[in-house]
Amino acid sequence: MASASFLVFFLSVLALFSVGFGEDQQNMLLRYHNGALLRGRIAVNLIWYGKFTPAQRAIVSDFVTSLSSGSKGATKKPTVGDWWNAVEKYFDIAGTKNLAPLVLSLGKQVLVEDYSLGKSLSEKQVVQLASMGDDRNAVNVVLTSADVAVAGFCVNRCGTHGSKGAMMKGKKNYKFAYIWVGNSETQCPGYCAWPFHQPIYGPQNPPLIAPNNDVGLDGMVMNLASLLAGTATNPFGNGFYQGPATSPLEAATACPGIYGKGAYPGYAGELLQDPTTGASYNANGFSGRKYLLPAIYDLAASTCSTLV
């Protein structure tokens, strides 16, 4: 079983107030709980469950490559690497300078196109799929297609991250981190793909144009980015988080719905716009890609930090 499972919520301003008034004041702060962070060379393996086109898979794999290549794969600022630098600041605060730095790279991609576990998955089945990746030095990412339902999807989450124990050579237990993200295009784009679709509640401003012309996949990247930030800084439930450990706010989920300066409920903030397509974005990536990535909570400034 997963040792922890963390939820991604978008548009939910109430998440900022999820800690009860009677709880210790320390729980109101996003802080370090002295646990392990991800470090060393970590492969991000992609397990594709259901039907995805090669073009759709490339949107996500190019995003992961953009993390590892930093600004090298992008000619214009700001870059995906710049966004990841904000996540890496957490490692400095934790005092891990003498430990191996975290280096992410695109690992293997596994295609499960035959719906071998059906089209309605439980949390246990998601973990089962995640186990198809590496069981050490990896983050195994399960991505489910638009026609696959997952327990809790579109009800209270757009994805999760957690960890699972694995036996190596029958001797020692290890843990690998995993992430699940669903394609919300046909099930709940207003919940998990905003601002590229009108929200399910609140101000009904016109949706923005998705930078890769795919509402579902661009939404998946936003959610995956948030979950990767949480996985890196709180992989096993005792790293950086705010509130109760069972439903924590993490590096990105502490800043729901914020993508640019001046953001407020129903408005993603001031963003860059592609002059040709009119698409909105805030980060340049590998191979000319553009992405919209969530704000990261800046611990030093006690505020949400955006790229633009």
C-alpha atoms as a PDB file:
ATOM      1  CA  MET A   1       0.000   0.000   0.000  1.00  0.00           C
ATOM      2  CA  ALA A   2       1.069   3.554  -0.520  1.00  0.00           C
ATOM      3  CA  SER A   3       2.544   5.095   2.598  1.00  0.00           C
ATOM      4  CA  ALA A   4       1.051   8.435   1.698  1.00  0.00           C
ATOM      5  CA  SER A   5      -1.284   9.874  -0.869  1.00  0.00           C
ATOM      6  CA  PHE A   6      -1.530  13.585  -1.475  1.00  0.00           C
ATOM      7  CA  LEU A   7      -4.195  15.454  -3.366  1.00  0.00           C
ATOM      8  CA  VAL A   8      -3.991  18.198  -5.961  1.00  0.00           C
ATOM      9  CA  PHE A   9      -6.736  20.791  -5.821  1.00  0.00           C
ATOM     10  CA  PHE A  10      -7.155  23.631  -8.314  1.00  0.00           C
ATOM     11  CA  LEU A  11      -9.451  26.622  -8.113  1.00  0.00           C
ATOM     12  CA  SER A  12     -10.194  25.835  -4.478  1.00  0.00           C
ATOM     13  CA  VAL A  13      -9.403  28.980  -2.565  1.00  0.00           C
ATOM     14  CA  LEU A  14     -10.824  27.267   0.497  1.00  0.00           C
ATOM     15  CA  ALA A  15      -7.762  25.042   0.499  1.00  0.00           C
ATOM     16  CA  LEU A  16      -5.815  27.952   1.891  1.00  0.00           C
ATOM     17  CA  PHE A  17      -7.954  27.758   5.002  1.00  0.00           C
ATOM     18  CA  SER A  18      -8.092  23.981   5.397  1.00  0.00           C
ATOM     19  CA  VAL A  19      -6.404  24.010   8.810  1.00  0.00           C
ATOM     20  CA  GLY A  20      -8.830  24.366  11.705  1.00  0.00           C
ATOM     21  CA  PHE A  21      -8.723  27.387  13.976  1.00  0.00           C
ATOM     22  CA  GLY A  22      -8.078  25.200  17.022  1.00  0.00           C
ATOM     23  CA  GLU A  23      -4.894  23.643  15.675  1.00  0.00           C
ATOM     24  CA  ASP A  24      -1.408  24.635  16.678  1.00  0.00           C
ATOM     25  CA  GLN A  25      -0.258  27.823  14.960  1.00  0.00           C
ATOM     26  CA  GLN A  26       2.765  25.980  13.555  1.00  0.00           C
ATOM     27  CA  ASN A  27       0.437  23.935  11.374  1.00  0.00           C
ATOM     28  CA  MET A  28      -0.565  27.159   9.624  1.00  0.00           C
ATOM     29  CA  LEU A  29       2.949  27.525   8.229  1.00  0.00           C
ATOM     30  CA  LEU A  30       4.495  25.656   5.335  1.00  0.00           C
ATOM     31  CA  ARG A  31       7.613  24.312   7.019  1.00  0.00           C
ATOM     32  CA  TYR A  32      10.130  21.487   7.059  1.00  0.00           C
ATOM     33  CA  HIS A  33       9.282  18.416   9.134  1.00  0.00           C
ATOM     34  CA  ASN A  34      12.841  16.980   9.037  1.00  0.00           C
ATOM     35  CA  GLY A  35      12.093  14.095   6.691  1.00  0.00           C
ATOM     36  CA  ALA A  36      13.872  12.928   3.549  1.00  0.00           C
ATOM     37  CA  LEU A  37      13.668  14.855   0.288  1.00  0.00           C
ATOM     38  CA  LEU A  38      14.268  13.393  -3.147  1.00  0.00           C
ATOM     39  CA  ARG A  39      17.926  13.567  -4.109  1.00  0.00           C
ATOM     40  CA  GLY A  40      20.419  12.059  -6.501  1.00  0.00           C
ATOM     41  CA  ARG A  41      19.753  11.064 -10.079  1.00  0.00           C
ATOM     42  CA  ILE A  42      16.057  10.284 -10.403  1.00  0.00           C
ATOM     43  CA  ALA A  43      14.388   8.913 -13.533  1.00  0.00           C
ATOM     44  CA  VAL A  44      10.875  10.136 -14.254  1.00  0.00           C
ATOM     45  CA  ASN A  45       9.167   7.131 -15.824  1.00  0.00           C
ATOM     46  CA  LEU A  46       5.884   7.654 -17.683  1.00  0.00           C
ATOM     47  CA  ILE A  47       3.259   4.900 -17.608  1.00  0.00           C
ATOM     48  CA  TRP A  48       0.533   5.705 -20.122  1.00  0.00           C
ATOM     49  CA  TYR A  49      -2.752   3.958 -19.347  1.00  0.00           C
ATOM     50  CA  GLY A  50      -5.340   4.120 -22.120  1.00  0.00           C
ATOM     51  CA  LYS A  51      -5.256   5.840 -25.473  1.00  0.00           C
ATOM     52  CA  PHE A  52      -2.867   8.735 -26.042  1.00  0.00           C
ATOM     53  CA  THR A  53      -1.574   9.911 -29.397  1.00  0.00           C
ATOM     54  CA  PRO A  54       2.181  10.259 -29.956  1.00  0.00           C
ATOM     55  CA  ALA A  55       1.678  14.037 -30.090  1.00  0.00           C
ATOM     56  CA  GLN A  56      -0.001  13.983 -26.680  1.00  0.00           C
ATOM     57  CA  ARG A  57       2.746  11.878 -25.151  1.00  0.00           C
ATOM     58  CA  ALA A  58       5.339  14.285 -26.535  1.00  0.00           C
ATOM     59  CA  ILE A  59       3.735  17.235 -24.689  1.00  0.00           C
ATOM     60  CA  VAL A  60       4.431  15.555 -21.354  1.00  0.00           C
ATOM     61  CA  SER A  61       7.784  13.968 -22.196  1.00  0.00           C
ATOM     62  CA  ASP A  62       9.090  17.293 -23.498  1.00  0.00           C
ATOM     63  CA  PHE A  63       8.038  18.898 -20.211  1.00  0.00           C
ATOM     64  CA  VAL A  64      10.018  16.350 -18.216  1.00  0.00           C
ATOM     65  CA  THR A  65      12.993  16.824 -20.534  1.00  0.00           C
ATOM     66  CA  SER A  66      12.706  20.573 -19.972  1.00  0.00           C
ATOM     67  CA  LEU A  67      13.211  19.999 -16.247  1.00  0.00           C
ATOM     68  CA  SER A  68      16.438  18.084 -16.744  1.00  0.00           C
ATOM     69  CA  SER A  69      17.858  20.266 -19.497  1.00  0.00           C
ATOM     70  CA  GLY A  70      17.113  23.462 -17.595  1.00  0.00           C
ATOM     71  CA  SER A  71      17.500  26.546 -19.740  1.00  0.00           C
ATOM     72  CA  LYS A  72      19.586  24.649 -22.324  1.00  0.00           C
ATOM     73  CA  GLY A  73      16.514  23.387 -24.135  1.00  0.00           C
ATOM     74  CA  ALA A  74      14.807  26.782 -24.284  1.00  0.00           C
ATOM     75  CA  THR A  75      16.084  29.885 -26.006  1.00  0.00           C
ATOM     76  CA  LYS A  76      13.728  32.345 -24.335  1.00  0.00           C
ATOM     77  CA  LYS A  77      13.149  33.265 -20.717  1.00  0.00           C
ATOM     78  CA  PRO A  78      11.481  32.363 -18.464  1.00  0.00           C
ATOM     79  CA  THR A  79      12.117  28.645 -18.772  1.00  0.00           C
ATOM     80  CA  VAL A  80      10.805  25.474 -17.175  1.00  0.00           C
ATOM     81  CA  GLY A  81      14.253  25.258 -15.590  1.00  0.00           C
ATOM     82  CA  ASP A  82      13.719  28.671 -13.981  1.00  0.00           C
ATOM     83  CA  TRP A  83      10.482  27.373 -12.489  1.00  0.00           C
ATOM     84  CA  TRP A  84      12.235  24.275 -11.114  1.00  0.00           C
ATOM     85  CA  ASN A  85      14.904  26.487  -9.527  1.00  0.00           C
ATOM     86  CA  ALA A  86      12.205  27.794  -7.179  1.00  0.00           C
ATOM     87  CA  VAL A  87      11.564  24.204  -6.060  1.00  0.00           C
ATOM     88  CA  GLU A  88      15.272  23.580  -5.508  1.00  0.00           C
ATOM     89  CA  LYS A  89      15.407  26.425  -2.972  1.00  0.00           C
ATOM     90  CA  TYR A  90      13.628  24.075  -0.562  1.00  0.00           C
ATOM     91  CA  PHE A  91      16.699  21.837  -0.558  1.00  0.00           C
ATOM     92  CA  ASP A  92      18.890  24.724   0.570  1.00  0.00           C
ATOM     93  CA  ILE A  93      16.535  25.479   3.435  1.00  0.00           C
ATOM     94  CA  ALA A  94      16.560  21.819   4.477  1.00  0.00           C
ATOM     95  CA  GLY A  95      20.353  21.915   4.679  1.00  0.00           C
ATOM     96  CA  THR A  96      21.040  19.235   2.093  1.00  0.00           C
ATOM     97  CA  LYS A  97      23.938  21.039   0.407  1.00  0.00           C
ATOM     98  CA  ASN A  98      26.374  18.273   1.334  1.00  0.00           C
ATOM     99  CA  LEU A  99      24.094  15.596  -0.118  1.00  0.00           C
ATOM    100  CA  ALA A 100      23.743  14.662  -3.764  1.00  0.00           C
ATOM    101  CA  PRO A 101      21.620  17.250  -5.593  1.00  0.00           C
ATOM    102  CA  LEU A 102      18.377  16.199  -7.234  1.00  0.00           C
ATOM    103  CA  VAL A 103      18.770  15.641 -10.971  1.00  0.00           C
ATOM    104  CA  LEU A 104      15.644  14.606 -12.858  1.00  0.00           C
ATOM    105  CA  SER A 105      15.734  12.943 -16.254  1.00  0.00           C
ATOM    106  CA  LEU A 106      13.191  11.369 -18.565  1.00  0.00           C
ATOM    107  CA  GLY A 107      13.206   7.625 -17.972  1.00  0.00           C
ATOM    108  CA  LYS A 108      11.325   4.881 -19.738  1.00  0.00           C
ATOM    109  CA  GLN A 109       7.828   5.120 -21.146  1.00  0.00           C
ATOM    110  CA  VAL A 110       5.409   2.222 -20.747  1.00  0.00           C
ATOM    111  CA  LEU A 111       2.265   2.007 -22.878  1.00  0.00           C
ATOM    112  CA  VAL A 112      -0.746   0.161 -21.480  1.00  0.00           C
ATOM    113  CA  GLU A 113      -3.229   0.736 -24.279  1.00  0.00           C
ATOM    114  CA  ASP A 114      -5.384  -2.361 -23.785  1.00  0.00           C
ATOM    115  CA  TYR A 115      -7.081  -1.131 -20.578  1.00  0.00           C
ATOM    116  CA  SER A 116      -5.919  -4.316 -18.871  1.00  0.00           C
ATOM    117  CA  LEU A 117      -7.299  -3.132 -15.508  1.00  0.00           C
ATOM    118  CA  GLY A 118     -10.524  -1.761 -16.964  1.00  0.00           C
ATOM    119  CA  LYS A 119     -11.727   1.806 -17.322  1.00  0.00           C
ATOM    120  CA  SER A 120     -12.512   2.445 -13.655  1.00  0.00           C
ATOM    121  CA  LEU A 121      -9.456   2.299 -11.414  1.00  0.00           C
ATOM    122  CA  SER A 122      -9.063   2.159  -7.668  1.00  0.00           C
ATOM    123  CA  GLU A 123      -6.182   3.719  -5.758  1.00  0.00           C
ATOM    124  CA  LYS A 124      -4.698   0.232  -5.370  1.00  0.00           C
ATOM    125  CA  GLN A 125      -4.751  -0.280  -9.132  1.00  0.00           C
ATOM    126  CA  VAL A 126      -3.049   3.074  -9.702  1.00  0.00           C
ATOM    127  CA  VAL A 127      -0.221   1.928  -7.414  1.00  0.00           C
ATOM    128  CA  GLN A 128      -0.145  -1.372  -9.298  1.00  0.00           C
ATOM    129  CA  LEU A 129       0.405   0.530 -12.541  1.00  0.00           C
ATOM    130  CA  ALA A 130       3.060   2.710 -10.898  1.00  0.00           C
ATOM    131  CA  SER A 131       4.930  -0.482  -9.996  1.00  0.00           C
ATOM    132  CA  MET A 132       5.553  -1.038 -13.708  1.00  0.00           C
ATOM    133  CA  GLY A 133       8.255   1.610 -13.496  1.00  0.00           C
ATOM    134  CA  ASP A 134      11.563   1.339 -11.664  1.00  0.00           C
ATOM    135  CA  ASP A 135      11.511   0.455  -7.977  1.00  0.00           C
ATOM    136  CA  ARG A 136      14.502   2.571  -7.022  1.00  0.00           C
ATOM    137  CA  ASN A 137      15.837   6.031  -7.921  1.00  0.00           C
ATOM    138  CA  ALA A 138      12.653   6.833  -9.785  1.00  0.00           C
ATOM    139  CA  VAL A 139       9.407   8.731  -9.801  1.00  0.00           C
ATOM    140  CA  ASN A 140       6.868   6.582 -11.619  1.00  0.00           C
ATOM    141  CA  VAL A 141       4.143   8.699 -13.205  1.00  0.00           C
ATOM    142  CA  VAL A 142       0.835   7.085 -14.151  1.00  0.00           C
ATOM    143  CA  LEU A 143      -1.154   9.063 -16.704  1.00  0.00           C
ATOM    144  CA  THR A 144      -4.726   7.952 -17.406  1.00  0.00           C
ATOM    145  CA  SER A 145      -6.590   8.809 -20.591  1.00  0.00           C
ATOM    146  CA  ALA A 146      -9.762  10.853 -20.865  1.00  0.00           C
ATOM    147  CA  ASP A 147     -12.010   7.756 -20.914  1.00  0.00           C
ATOM    148  CA  VAL A 148     -10.627   6.308 -17.671  1.00  0.00           C
ATOM    149  CA  ALA A 149     -12.249   7.009 -14.311  1.00  0.00           C
ATOM    150  CA  VAL A 150     -10.136   6.912 -11.152  1.00  0.00           C
ATOM    151  CA  ALA A 151     -11.425   6.896  -7.576  1.00  0.00           C
ATOM    152  CA  GLY A 152     -11.819  10.507  -6.428  1.00  0.00           C
ATOM    153  CA  PHE A 153     -11.000  11.975  -9.844  1.00  0.00           C
ATOM    154  CA  CYS A 154     -13.013  15.124 -10.539  1.00  0.00           C
ATOM    155  CA  VAL A 155     -14.618  14.809  -7.104  1.00  0.00           C
ATOM    156  CA  ASN A 156     -11.815  16.060  -4.890  1.00  0.00           C
ATOM    157  CA  ARG A 157      -8.614  15.605  -6.853  1.00  0.00           C
ATOM    158  CA  CYS A 158      -6.938  15.916 -10.228  1.00  0.00           C
ATOM    159  CA  GLY A 159      -4.006  13.688  -9.288  1.00  0.00           C
ATOM    160  CA  THR A 160      -2.043  12.306  -6.362  1.00  0.00           C
ATOM    161  CA  HIS A 161       1.487  11.510  -5.302  1.00  0.00           C
ATOM    162  CA  GLY A 162       2.710   8.987  -2.778  1.00  0.00           C
ATOM    163  CA  SER A 163       5.290   6.277  -2.168  1.00  0.00           C
ATOM    164  CA  LYS A 164       5.420   2.504  -2.131  1.00  0.00           C
ATOM    165  CA  GLY A 165       7.816   0.069  -0.529  1.00  0.00           C
ATOM    166  CA  ALA A 166       9.759  -2.320  -2.747  1.00  0.00           C
ATOM    167  CA  MET A 167      11.954  -5.306  -1.880  1.00  0.00           C
ATOM    168  CA  MET A 168      15.362  -5.282  -3.543  1.00  0.00           C
ATOM    169  CA  LYS A 169      17.071  -8.657  -3.986  1.00  0.00           C
ATOM    170  CA  GLY A 170      14.980 -10.042  -1.157  1.00  0.00           C
ATOM    171  CA  LYS A 171      17.011  -8.229   1.456  1.00  0.00           C
ATOM    172  CA  LYS A 172      16.286  -4.571   1.890  1.00  0.00           C
ATOM    173  CA  ASN A 173      13.182  -2.457   1.611  1.00  0.00           C
ATOM    174  CA  TYR A 174      13.256   0.677  -0.517  1.00  0.00           C
ATOM    175  CA  LYS A 175      10.611   3.207  -1.362  1.00  0.00           C
ATOM    176  CA  PHE A 176       9.883   4.629  -4.759  1.00  0.00           C
ATOM    177  CA  ALA A 177       7.786   7.716  -5.345  1.00  0.00           C
ATOM    178  CA  TYR A 178       4.825   7.689  -7.675  1.00  0.00           C
ATOM    179  CA  ILE A 179       2.424  10.195  -9.203  1.00  0.00           C
ATOM    180  CA  TRP A 180      -0.934   9.786 -10.864  1.00  0.00           C
ATOM    181  CA  VAL A 181      -2.534  12.424 -13.121  1.00  0.00           C
ATOM    182  CA  GLY A 182      -5.743  12.049 -15.122  1.00  0.00           C
ATOM    183  CA  ASN A 183      -6.812  13.626 -18.400  1.00  0.00           C
ATOM    184  CA  SER A 184      -9.836  15.708 -17.438  1.00  0.00           C
ATOM    185  CA  GLU A 185     -10.803  16.910 -20.922  1.00  0.00           C
ATOM    186  CA  THR A 186     -14.149  15.080 -21.077  1.00  0.00           C
ATOM    187  CA  GLN A 187     -14.793  14.513 -17.364  1.00  0.00           C
ATOM    188  CA  CYS A 188     -14.054  17.771 -15.518  1.00  0.00           C
ATOM    189  CA  PRO A 189     -11.978  20.287 -17.508  1.00  0.00           C
ATOM    190  CA  GLY A 190     -13.459  23.143 -15.484  1.00  0.00           C
ATOM    191  CA  TYR A 191     -12.001  21.602 -12.348  1.00  0.00           C
ATOM    192  CA  CYS A 192      -8.660  20.162 -13.476  1.00  0.00           C
ATOM    193  CA  ALA A 193      -7.828  22.085 -16.664  1.00  0.00           C
ATOM    194  CA  TRP A 194      -8.753  25.652 -15.678  1.00  0.00           C
ATOM    195  CA  PRO A 195      -7.875  28.273 -16.939  1.00  0.00           C
ATOM    196  CA  PHE A 196      -8.054  26.501 -20.311  1.00  0.00           C
ATOM    197  CA  HIS A 197     -11.734  25.780 -19.669  1.00  0.00           C
ATOM    198  CA  GLN A 198     -14.395  27.774 -17.874  1.00  0.00           C
ATOM    199  CA  PRO A 199     -14.418  26.940 -14.158  1.00  0.00           C
ATOM    200  CA  ILE A 200     -17.137  24.804 -12.634  1.00  0.00           C
ATOM    201  CA  TYR A 201     -17.937  27.631 -10.242  1.00  0.00           C
ATOM    202  CA  GLY A 202     -16.969  31.223  -9.580  1.00  0.00           C
ATOM    203  CA  PRO A 203     -16.410  33.990 -12.146  1.00  0.00           C
ATOM    204  CA  GLN A 204     -17.084  32.702 -15.655  1.00  0.00           C
ATOM    205  CA  ASN A 205     -14.333  34.473 -17.561  1.00  0.00           C
ATOM    206  CA  PRO A 206     -13.531  33.232 -21.069  1.00  0.00           C
ATOM    207  CA  PRO A 207     -11.066  30.323 -21.027  1.00  0.00           C
ATOM    208  CA  LEU A 208      -7.488  30.871 -22.146  1.00  0.00           C
ATOM    209  CA  ILE A 209      -6.006  29.165 -25.181  1.00  0.00           C
ATOM    210  CA  ALA A 210      -3.874  26.161 -24.240  1.00  0.00           C
ATOM    211  CA  PRO A 211      -0.225  26.548 -25.337  1.00  0.00           C
ATOM    212  CA  ASN A 212      -0.035  23.053 -26.864  1.00  0.00           C
ATOM    213  CA  ASN A 213      -3.550  23.217 -28.292  1.00  0.00           C
ATOM    214  CA  ASP A 214      -4.745  20.379 -26.081  1.00  0.00           C
ATOM    215  CA  VAL A 215      -6.852  21.348 -23.068  1.00  0.00           C
ATOM    216  CA  GLY A 216      -6.595  17.913 -21.488  1.00  0.00           C
ATOM    217  CA  LEU A 217      -2.843  17.482 -21.866  1.00  0.00           C
ATOM    218  CA  ASP A 218      -1.974  21.071 -20.996  1.00  0.00           C
ATOM    219  CA  GLY A 219      -4.059  20.594 -17.862  1.00  0.00           C
ATOM    220  CA  MET A 220      -2.199  17.369 -17.127  1.00  0.00           C
ATOM    221  CA  VAL A 221       1.127  19.203 -17.333  1.00  0.00           C
ATOM    222  CA  MET A 222      -0.065  21.842 -14.862  1.00  0.00           C
ATOM    223  CA  ASN A 223      -1.099  19.111 -12.428  1.00  0.00           C
ATOM    224  CA  LEU A 224       2.023  17.030 -13.033  1.00  0.00           C
ATOM    225  CA  ALA A 225       4.205  20.064 -12.359  1.00  0.00           C
ATOM    226  CA  SER A 226       2.445  20.676  -9.061  1.00  0.00           C
ATOM    227  CA  LEU A 227       2.797  17.032  -8.057  1.00  0.00           C
ATOM    228  CA  LEU A 228       6.465  16.860  -9.046  1.00  0.00           C
ATOM    229  CA  ALA A 229       7.147  19.870  -6.821  1.00  0.00           C
ATOM    230  CA  GLY A 230       5.344  18.126  -3.973  1.00  0.00           C
ATOM    231  CA  THR A 231       7.094  14.832  -4.626  1.00  0.00           C
ATOM    232  CA  ALA A 232      10.546  16.420  -4.604  1.00  0.00           C
ATOM    233  CA  THR A 233       9.964  18.349  -1.371  1.00  0.00           C
ATOM    234  CA  ASN A 234       7.637  15.958   0.476  1.00  0.00           C
ATOM    235  CA  PRO A 235       8.105  12.494  -1.029  1.00  0.00           C
ATOM    236  CA  PHE A 236       7.339  10.399   2.064  1.00  0.00           C
ATOM    237  CA  GLY A 237       4.996  12.624   4.046  1.00  0.00           C
ATOM    238  CA  ASN A 238       7.521  14.191   6.415  1.00  0.00           C
ATOM    239  CA  GLY A 239       9.213  16.845   4.279  1.00  0.00           C
ATOM    240  CA  PHE A 240       7.884  20.324   3.527  1.00  0.00           C
ATOM    241  CA  TYR A 241       4.161  20.860   3.973  1.00  0.00           C
ATOM    242  CA  GLN A 242       1.519  22.947   5.702  1.00  0.00           C
ATOM    243  CA  GLY A 243      -1.409  21.687   7.732  1.00  0.00           C
ATOM    244  CA  PRO A 244      -2.182  18.074   8.656  1.00  0.00           C
ATOM    245  CA  ALA A 245       0.037  15.373   7.160  1.00  0.00           C
ATOM    246  CA  THR A 246      -3.032  13.528   5.890  1.00  0.00           C
ATOM    247  CA  SER A 247      -4.101  16.424   3.659  1.00  0.00           C
ATOM    248  CA  PRO A 248      -1.097  18.720   3.333  1.00  0.00           C
ATOM    249  CA  LEU A 249      -0.551  21.837   1.296  1.00  0.00           C
ATOM    250  CA  GLU A 250       2.809  21.625  -0.429  1.00  0.00           C
ATOM    251  CA  ALA A 251       5.180  23.741  -2.511  1.00  0.00           C
ATOM    252  CA  ALA A 252       2.664  24.330  -5.317  1.00  0.00           C
ATOM    253  CA  THR A 253      -0.698  23.387  -3.800  1.00  0.00           C
ATOM    254  CA  ALA A 254      -0.206  26.131  -1.211  1.00  0.00           C
ATOM    255  CA  CYS A 255      -0.718  28.541  -4.139  1.00  0.00           C
ATOM    256  CA  PRO A 256      -3.925  27.306  -5.821  1.00  0.00           C
ATOM    257  CA  GLY A 257      -4.993  28.998  -9.043  1.00  0.00           C
ATOM    258  CA  ILE A 258      -1.984  31.341  -9.185  1.00  0.00           C
ATOM    259  CA  TYR A 259       0.028  31.393 -12.424  1.00  0.00           C
ATOM    260  CA  GLY A 260       1.042  35.022 -12.828  1.00  0.00           C
ATOM    261  CA  LYS A 261       1.245  38.311 -10.970  1.00  0.00           C
ATOM    262  CA  GLY A 262      -2.037  39.814  -9.870  1.00  0.00           C
ATOM    263  CA  ALA A 263      -3.905  36.491  -9.791  1.00  0.00           C
ATOM    264  CA  TYR A 264      -7.162  36.237  -7.874  1.00  0.00           C
ATOM    265  CA  PRO A 265     -10.031  33.703  -7.846  1.00  0.00           C
ATOM    266  CA  GLY A 266     -11.164  33.253 -11.438  1.00  0.00           C
ATOM    267  CA  TYR A 267      -8.145  35.079 -12.879  1.00  0.00           C
ATOM    268  CA  ALA A 268      -4.870  33.219 -13.441  1.00  0.00           C
ATOM    269  CA  GLY A 269      -2.742  36.367 -13.427  1.00  0.00           C
ATOM    270  CA  GLU A 270      -0.719  38.307 -15.980  1.00  0.00           C
ATOM    271  CA  LEU A 271       0.643  35.761 -18.450  1.00  0.00           C
ATOM    272  CA  LEU A 272       2.700  35.708 -21.618  1.00  0.00           C
ATOM    273  CA  GLN A 273       0.830  35.310 -24.879  1.00  0.00           C
ATOM    274  CA  ASP A 274       1.975  33.638 -28.061  1.00  0.00           C
ATOM    275  CA  PRO A 275       1.604  36.274 -30.811  1.00  0.00           C
ATOM    276  CA  THR A 276       0.733  33.632 -33.415  1.00  0.00           C
ATOM    277  CA  THR A 277      -1.701  31.362 -31.610  1.00  0.00           C
ATOM    278  CA  GLY A 278      -2.886  33.655 -28.827  1.00  0.00           C
ATOM    279  CA  ALA A 279      -2.110  30.914 -26.314  1.00  0.00           C
ATOM    280  CA  SER A 280      -1.287  31.841 -22.721  1.00  0.00           C
ATOM    281  CA  TYR A 281       1.799  30.496 -20.958  1.00  0.00           C
ATOM    282  CA  ASN A 282       4.504  31.405 -18.468  1.00  0.00           C
ATOM    283  CA  ALA A 283       7.393  29.028 -19.236  1.00  0.00           C
ATOM    284  CA  ASN A 284       9.427  28.095 -22.295  1.00  0.00           C
ATOM    285  CA  GLY A 285      10.496  24.499 -22.616  1.00  0.00           C
ATOM    286  CA  PHE A 286      12.460  21.998 -24.633  1.00  0.00           C
ATOM    287  CA  SER A 287      11.984  21.929 -28.412  1.00  0.00           C
ATOM    288  CA  GLY A 288      10.115  25.235 -28.527  1.00  0.00           C
ATOM    289  CA  ARG A 289       7.387  24.112 -26.142  1.00  0.00           C
ATOM    290  CA  LYS A 290       5.389  26.512 -24.015  1.00  0.00           C
ATOM    291  CA  TYR A 291       3.736  25.587 -20.730  1.00  0.00           C
ATOM    292  CA  LEU A 292       1.617  27.104 -17.980  1.00  0.00           C
ATOM    293  CA  LEU A 293       3.121  26.193 -14.599  1.00  0.00           C
ATOM    294  CA  PRO A 294       1.796  26.883 -11.097  1.00  0.00           C
ATOM    295  CA  ALA A 295       3.255  29.334  -8.614  1.00  0.00           C
ATOM    296  CA  ILE A 296       5.678  27.939  -6.015  1.00  0.00           C
ATOM    297  CA  TYR A 297       5.458  29.038  -2.401  1.00  0.00           C
ATOM    298  CA  ASP A 298       8.550  31.058  -1.505  1.00  0.00           C
ATOM    299  CA  LEU A 299       9.460  30.116   2.066  1.00  0.00           C
ATOM    300  CA  ALA A 300      11.856  33.025   2.545  1.00  0.00           C
ATOM    301  CA  ALA A 301       9.350  35.648   1.397  1.00  0.00           C
ATOM    302  CA  SER A 302       6.250  33.829   2.701  1.00  0.00           C
ATOM    303  CA  THR A 303       4.453  34.428  -0.566  1.00  0.00           C
ATOM    304  CA  CYS A 304       3.591  32.661  -3.803  1.00  0.00           C
ATOM    305  CA  SER A 305       6.289  33.174  -6.420  1.00  0.00           C
ATOM    306  CA  THR A 306       5.441  33.240 -10.124  1.00  0.00           C
ATOM    307  CA  LEU A 307       7.588  33.236 -13.241  1.00  0.00           C
ATOM    308  CA  VAL A 308       5.823  36.250 -14.745  1.00  0.00           C
END
